[in-house]
Amino acid sequence: MQFEGPIYRPPSEADSLLIQATVGCPHNKCTFCMIYKQGPPYRVRPVKDICEDIDAARAEYGENVKTLFFPSGNTIAMPTRELAAICRHAVKRFPMLQRITVYGSSRYIVQKGLDDLKILRAAGLSRIHVGLESGDDQVLQRVKKGTTAVEQIAAGRLVRRAGIELSEYVILGLGGAELSEPHARHTAAALNAIVPDFVRLRTLVPKINTLLLHEIKKGRFQLLSPYDVLRETRQLVEGLECQTVLTSDHYSNYLDLNGRLPDDKPRLLDTVDQALTWDESRFRSMFVGTQ
């Protein structure tokens, strides 16, 4: 099997077979992301090569593979006919397959449209991980996400209408001190409008070689303290009214929050309130620009 460039996958895909379908990210402008800033440039691997990797994985692991993730950074941008072809080939080669997953940003999901998403669902694509990051337009513009809250909501609804599971990622602290309140409030509103299957929390960790770290060093962006992140988390959770699974499945978070909303909201809010009484020494360091 062939791999090129950085290969990232969600923690929830830790046990999944990884077969690279695309290289790099077609947007690659987000100020907080360092993954593909040094390349390689975005491209789609030939279907023939991808299918050969699927065949090689079948020869190595047998037919009992149950979950498959197609990296890299934005595989939903792959032409629908080609993405559907590799999904069908994977289903054929792994009869026990229960889930096929990709990363996909809202811009490219909207470009696909409902008909193409339904084609992909019929081919076997069953979950898309979307970096919502924020539902606030000012935050999205500042971090150069390349989308708007309206487009994020439209994309999420398209995925749900197509019958594909949807994981939406939120970056706590992405608005900094200045935009913390609207970031939490508008993100909750966007998620309520989308009703994703999963809301996955991440906490902003400034990375080396990113524009965001440069802004921090120049004093143009003020990071939130652990307590400020927890207060923002509380506002977000309090504002969520949709039925979804909330999870904090990432090393960056100051607190492990997992539950089903809205039923578990009182317990989750109590957990945040308890954490707000902790001594600061219980929280991880901020990792500013160290990785």
Protein backbone atom coordinates (compact mmCIF):
# COMPACT_ATOMS: atom_id res chain seq x y z
CA MET A 1 0.00 0.00 0.00
CA GLN A 2 1.23 3.47 -0.94
CA PHE A 3 1.09 6.62 1.22
CA GLU A 4 2.23 10.16 0.41
CA GLY A 5 2.47 13.18 2.68
CA PRO A 6 0.95 13.48 6.17
CA ILE A 7 -1.75 10.90 6.92
CA TYR A 8 -4.23 11.94 9.59
CA ARG A 9 -7.36 10.18 10.76
CA PRO A 10 -9.95 10.91 13.47
CA PRO A 11 -9.51 9.12 16.81
CA SER A 12 -12.81 7.35 16.15
CA GLU A 13 -11.13 5.70 13.14
CA ALA A 14 -8.26 4.28 15.20
CA ASP A 15 -9.17 0.71 14.29
CA SER A 16 -10.05 1.44 10.67
CA LEU A 17 -8.12 0.33 7.61
CA LEU A 18 -6.50 3.40 6.02
CA ILE A 19 -6.35 3.56 2.23
CA GLN A 20 -5.16 6.86 0.80
CA ALA A 21 -7.52 8.25 -1.84
CA THR A 22 -6.37 11.86 -2.05
CA VAL A 23 -3.15 13.69 -1.21
CA GLY A 24 -3.07 16.97 0.70
CA CYS A 25 -5.93 19.45 1.09
CA PRO A 26 -7.56 21.45 -1.74
CA HIS A 27 -8.18 24.46 0.54
CA ASN A 28 -5.06 24.48 2.72
CA LYS A 29 -5.54 28.07 3.97
CA CYS A 30 -6.85 27.66 7.53
CA THR A 31 -4.69 29.76 9.86
CA PHE A 32 -4.75 27.17 12.65
CA CYS A 33 -3.71 24.15 10.55
CA MET A 34 -0.13 23.13 9.84
CA ILE A 35 -0.70 19.69 8.35
CA TYR A 36 -0.28 20.39 4.64
CA LYS A 37 1.34 23.83 4.67
CA GLN A 38 4.65 22.29 3.57
CA GLY A 39 2.91 20.20 0.91
CA PRO A 40 2.38 18.01 -0.93
CA PRO A 41 -0.14 19.81 -3.17
CA TYR A 42 -3.63 18.42 -3.40
CA ARG A 43 -4.31 15.72 -5.95
CA VAL A 44 -6.58 12.72 -6.40
CA ARG A 45 -4.86 9.36 -6.69
CA PRO A 46 -5.82 7.24 -9.73
CA VAL A 47 -8.70 4.87 -9.05
CA LYS A 48 -6.59 1.99 -10.33
CA ASP A 49 -3.89 2.67 -7.73
CA ILE A 50 -6.43 2.98 -4.92
CA CYS A 51 -8.12 -0.27 -5.89
CA GLU A 52 -4.74 -1.99 -6.00
CA ASP A 53 -4.13 -0.82 -2.43
CA ILE A 54 -7.54 -2.17 -1.42
CA ASP A 55 -6.61 -5.51 -3.01
CA ALA A 56 -3.27 -5.50 -1.18
CA ALA A 57 -5.05 -4.86 2.12
CA ARG A 58 -7.42 -7.73 1.42
CA ALA A 59 -4.44 -10.02 0.81
CA GLU A 60 -2.77 -8.87 4.03
CA TYR A 61 -5.72 -8.62 6.41
CA GLY A 62 -8.29 -10.97 4.92
CA GLU A 63 -11.97 -10.26 4.37
CA ASN A 64 -12.87 -9.33 7.95
CA VAL A 65 -12.10 -5.61 7.78
CA LYS A 66 -15.12 -3.82 9.29
CA THR A 67 -14.28 -0.12 9.01
CA LEU A 68 -12.39 1.79 6.33
CA PHE A 69 -11.19 5.40 6.26
CA PHE A 70 -10.09 7.09 3.03
CA PRO A 71 -7.58 9.90 3.81
CA SER A 72 -6.30 12.52 3.16
CA GLY A 73 -7.49 16.02 4.07
CA ASN A 74 -10.66 16.46 2.06
CA THR A 75 -11.53 13.28 0.19
CA ILE A 76 -15.13 14.39 -0.40
CA ALA A 77 -13.65 16.77 -3.01
CA MET A 78 -12.76 13.73 -5.11
CA PRO A 79 -14.93 13.39 -8.26
CA THR A 80 -18.12 11.55 -7.32
CA ARG A 81 -17.76 8.83 -9.94
CA GLU A 82 -14.23 8.01 -8.73
CA LEU A 83 -15.07 8.09 -5.03
CA ALA A 84 -18.10 5.90 -5.63
CA ALA A 85 -15.96 3.45 -7.60
CA ILE A 86 -13.47 2.92 -4.79
CA CYS A 87 -16.28 2.60 -2.24
CA ARG A 88 -17.91 -0.12 -4.35
CA HIS A 89 -14.60 -1.91 -4.78
CA ALA A 90 -14.01 -1.84 -1.02
CA VAL A 91 -17.48 -3.24 -0.34
CA LYS A 92 -16.83 -6.01 -2.84
CA ARG A 93 -13.43 -6.92 -1.39
CA PHE A 94 -14.48 -6.71 2.27
CA PRO A 95 -17.90 -8.36 2.69
CA MET A 96 -17.86 -7.66 6.45
CA LEU A 97 -17.41 -3.91 5.93
CA GLN A 98 -19.74 -1.87 8.15
CA ARG A 99 -18.49 1.67 7.63
CA ILE A 100 -16.64 3.74 5.02
CA THR A 101 -15.61 7.22 6.14
CA VAL A 102 -13.96 10.34 4.71
CA TYR A 103 -13.09 13.88 5.73
CA GLY A 104 -15.13 16.51 3.94
CA SER A 105 -15.45 20.28 4.28
CA SER A 106 -18.74 22.10 3.88
CA ARG A 107 -17.72 23.92 0.70
CA TYR A 108 -17.09 20.68 -1.19
CA ILE A 109 -20.14 18.93 0.26
CA VAL A 110 -22.36 21.73 -1.04
CA GLN A 111 -20.65 21.49 -4.43
CA LYS A 112 -21.48 17.78 -4.50
CA GLY A 113 -25.17 18.36 -3.88
CA LEU A 114 -27.81 15.92 -2.69
CA ASP A 115 -27.91 13.70 -5.78
CA ASP A 116 -24.18 13.00 -5.72
CA LEU A 117 -24.22 12.40 -1.97
CA LYS A 118 -26.97 9.84 -2.47
CA ILE A 119 -24.86 8.14 -5.13
CA LEU A 120 -22.00 7.95 -2.65
CA ARG A 121 -24.28 6.59 0.06
CA ALA A 122 -25.54 3.88 -2.28
CA ALA A 123 -21.91 3.03 -3.12
CA GLY A 124 -21.13 2.47 0.55
CA LEU A 125 -19.98 5.81 1.98
CA SER A 126 -21.55 5.88 5.41
CA ARG A 127 -19.92 8.67 7.47
CA ILE A 128 -18.37 12.09 6.81
CA HIS A 129 -16.21 13.98 9.30
CA VAL A 130 -16.72 17.74 8.84
CA GLY A 131 -14.60 20.46 10.40
CA LEU A 132 -17.33 22.91 11.35
CA GLU A 133 -14.82 24.60 13.69
CA SER A 134 -17.23 27.49 14.34
CA GLY A 135 -20.71 28.67 13.45
CA ASP A 136 -19.70 32.32 13.71
CA ASP A 137 -18.97 34.07 10.42
CA GLN A 138 -16.44 36.47 11.91
CA VAL A 139 -14.45 33.60 13.39
CA LEU A 140 -14.64 31.62 10.14
CA GLN A 141 -13.41 34.62 8.18
CA ARG A 142 -10.53 35.33 10.55
CA VAL A 143 -9.24 31.77 10.41
CA LYS A 144 -9.67 31.66 6.61
CA LYS A 145 -11.92 28.62 6.73
CA GLY A 146 -13.33 29.38 3.29
CA THR A 147 -16.98 28.96 4.25
CA THR A 148 -19.85 30.61 6.10
CA ALA A 149 -22.32 29.53 8.75
CA VAL A 150 -25.07 29.34 6.14
CA GLU A 151 -22.97 27.05 3.96
CA GLN A 152 -21.97 24.93 6.96
CA ILE A 153 -25.62 24.41 7.86
CA ALA A 154 -26.56 23.64 4.26
CA ALA A 155 -23.76 21.08 3.97
CA GLY A 156 -24.66 19.35 7.20
CA ARG A 157 -28.30 19.10 6.21
CA LEU A 158 -27.36 17.65 2.81
CA VAL A 159 -25.30 14.92 4.44
CA ARG A 160 -28.14 14.01 6.79
CA ARG A 161 -30.71 14.04 3.97
CA ALA A 162 -28.49 11.69 1.97
CA GLY A 163 -28.59 9.18 4.82
CA ILE A 164 -24.89 9.54 5.67
CA GLU A 165 -23.74 9.76 9.28
CA LEU A 166 -22.30 13.15 10.18
CA SER A 167 -19.57 14.07 12.67
CA GLU A 168 -19.16 17.82 13.18
CA TYR A 169 -15.96 19.12 14.80
CA VAL A 170 -15.88 22.22 16.99
CA ILE A 171 -12.65 23.98 18.02
CA LEU A 172 -13.06 25.49 21.48
CA GLY A 173 -11.17 28.76 21.83
CA LEU A 174 -10.98 29.43 18.10
CA GLY A 175 -12.50 32.88 18.53
CA GLY A 176 -9.92 33.86 21.12
CA ALA A 177 -10.87 36.10 24.02
CA GLU A 178 -12.52 38.68 21.78
CA LEU A 179 -15.01 36.37 20.07
CA SER A 180 -15.50 33.62 22.64
CA GLU A 181 -19.13 34.42 23.38
CA PRO A 182 -20.39 34.70 19.77
CA HIS A 183 -18.26 31.69 18.80
CA ALA A 184 -20.04 29.52 21.39
CA ARG A 185 -23.49 30.97 20.77
CA HIS A 186 -23.45 30.82 16.98
CA THR A 187 -21.79 27.40 16.91
CA ALA A 188 -24.57 25.98 19.09
CA ALA A 189 -27.14 27.57 16.79
CA ALA A 190 -25.51 26.06 13.69
CA LEU A 191 -25.38 22.60 15.26
CA ASN A 192 -29.02 22.88 16.31
CA ALA A 193 -29.89 23.65 12.69
CA ILE A 194 -27.84 20.72 11.37
CA VAL A 195 -28.64 18.04 14.00
CA PRO A 196 -25.46 15.99 13.40
CA ASP A 197 -25.03 12.45 14.66
CA PHE A 198 -21.90 13.47 16.57
CA VAL A 199 -20.45 16.72 17.91
CA ARG A 200 -16.74 16.24 18.56
CA LEU A 201 -14.94 18.81 20.70
CA ARG A 202 -11.37 19.94 20.13
CA THR A 203 -9.53 22.70 22.00
CA LEU A 204 -7.33 25.12 20.09
CA VAL A 205 -3.66 24.20 20.33
CA PRO A 206 -1.45 26.67 18.42
CA LYS A 207 0.83 24.87 16.00
CA ILE A 208 4.23 25.76 14.63
CA ASN A 209 4.41 27.22 11.11
CA THR A 210 0.86 28.59 11.25
CA LEU A 211 -0.46 32.10 10.72
CA LEU A 212 -2.45 31.80 13.95
CA LEU A 213 0.72 31.30 16.01
CA HIS A 214 2.22 34.38 14.32
CA GLU A 215 -0.89 36.35 15.32
CA ILE A 216 -0.54 35.15 18.91
CA LYS A 217 3.10 36.19 19.08
CA LYS A 218 2.22 39.62 17.65
CA GLY A 219 -0.53 40.08 20.26
CA ARG A 220 -3.32 40.02 17.68
CA PHE A 221 -4.97 36.90 19.11
CA GLN A 222 -5.45 36.21 22.82
CA LEU A 223 -5.63 32.56 23.78
CA LEU A 224 -8.21 31.44 26.30
CA SER A 225 -7.09 30.11 29.66
CA PRO A 226 -8.27 26.63 30.67
CA TYR A 227 -11.02 28.23 32.75
CA ASP A 228 -12.11 30.43 29.84
CA VAL A 229 -12.26 27.35 27.58
CA LEU A 230 -14.43 25.60 30.16
CA ARG A 231 -16.75 28.60 30.37
CA GLU A 232 -17.00 28.61 26.57
CA THR A 233 -17.69 24.88 26.65
CA ARG A 234 -20.47 25.44 29.17
CA GLN A 235 -22.08 28.08 26.97
CA LEU A 236 -21.88 25.79 23.95
CA VAL A 237 -23.38 22.79 25.75
CA GLU A 238 -26.07 24.92 27.35
CA GLY A 239 -27.05 26.20 23.90
CA LEU A 240 -27.28 22.78 22.27
CA GLU A 241 -30.90 21.64 21.96
CA CYS A 242 -30.57 19.06 19.19
CA GLN A 243 -30.42 15.30 19.61
CA THR A 244 -26.79 14.33 19.16
CA VAL A 245 -23.87 12.55 20.77
CA LEU A 246 -21.31 14.90 22.32
CA THR A 247 -17.78 13.60 22.73
CA SER A 248 -14.37 15.00 23.70
CA ASP A 249 -12.30 12.32 22.01
CA HIS A 250 -9.05 14.27 21.67
CA TYR A 251 -5.86 14.95 23.61
CA SER A 252 -6.28 18.72 23.28
CA ASN A 253 -9.28 19.00 25.59
CA TYR A 254 -9.05 20.08 29.20
CA LEU A 255 -12.04 17.97 30.18
CA ASP A 256 -13.49 14.65 29.07
CA LEU A 257 -17.15 15.23 28.21
CA ASN A 258 -19.23 12.46 26.72
CA GLY A 259 -22.99 12.11 26.60
CA ARG A 260 -26.18 12.09 24.63
CA LEU A 261 -27.97 15.38 24.25
CA PRO A 262 -30.31 16.71 25.36
CA ASP A 263 -30.82 14.00 28.02
CA ASP A 264 -27.33 14.25 29.52
CA LYS A 265 -27.06 18.03 29.45
CA PRO A 266 -27.55 18.55 33.23
CA ARG A 267 -24.82 16.00 34.01
CA LEU A 268 -22.44 17.50 31.45
CA LEU A 269 -22.98 21.02 32.77
CA ASP A 270 -22.38 19.81 36.33
CA THR A 271 -19.12 18.21 35.16
CA VAL A 272 -17.98 21.51 33.65
CA ASP A 273 -18.96 23.41 36.80
CA GLN A 274 -16.93 21.00 38.93
CA ALA A 275 -13.90 21.44 36.66
CA LEU A 276 -14.15 25.20 37.05
CA THR A 277 -13.34 24.72 40.76
CA TRP A 278 -10.15 22.75 40.10
CA ASP A 279 -6.69 24.11 40.68
CA GLU A 280 -5.06 25.16 37.40
CA SER A 281 -2.30 22.61 37.94
CA ARG A 282 -4.79 19.86 37.02
CA PHE A 283 -5.00 21.10 33.43
CA ARG A 284 -2.57 20.28 30.65
CA SER A 285 -0.06 22.89 29.51
CA MET A 286 -1.08 25.07 26.59
CA PHE A 287 1.46 23.63 24.11
CA VAL A 288 1.94 27.00 22.42
CA GLY A 289 3.77 26.44 19.16
CA THR A 290 5.63 23.34 20.33
CA GLN A 291 4.43 20.81 17.78
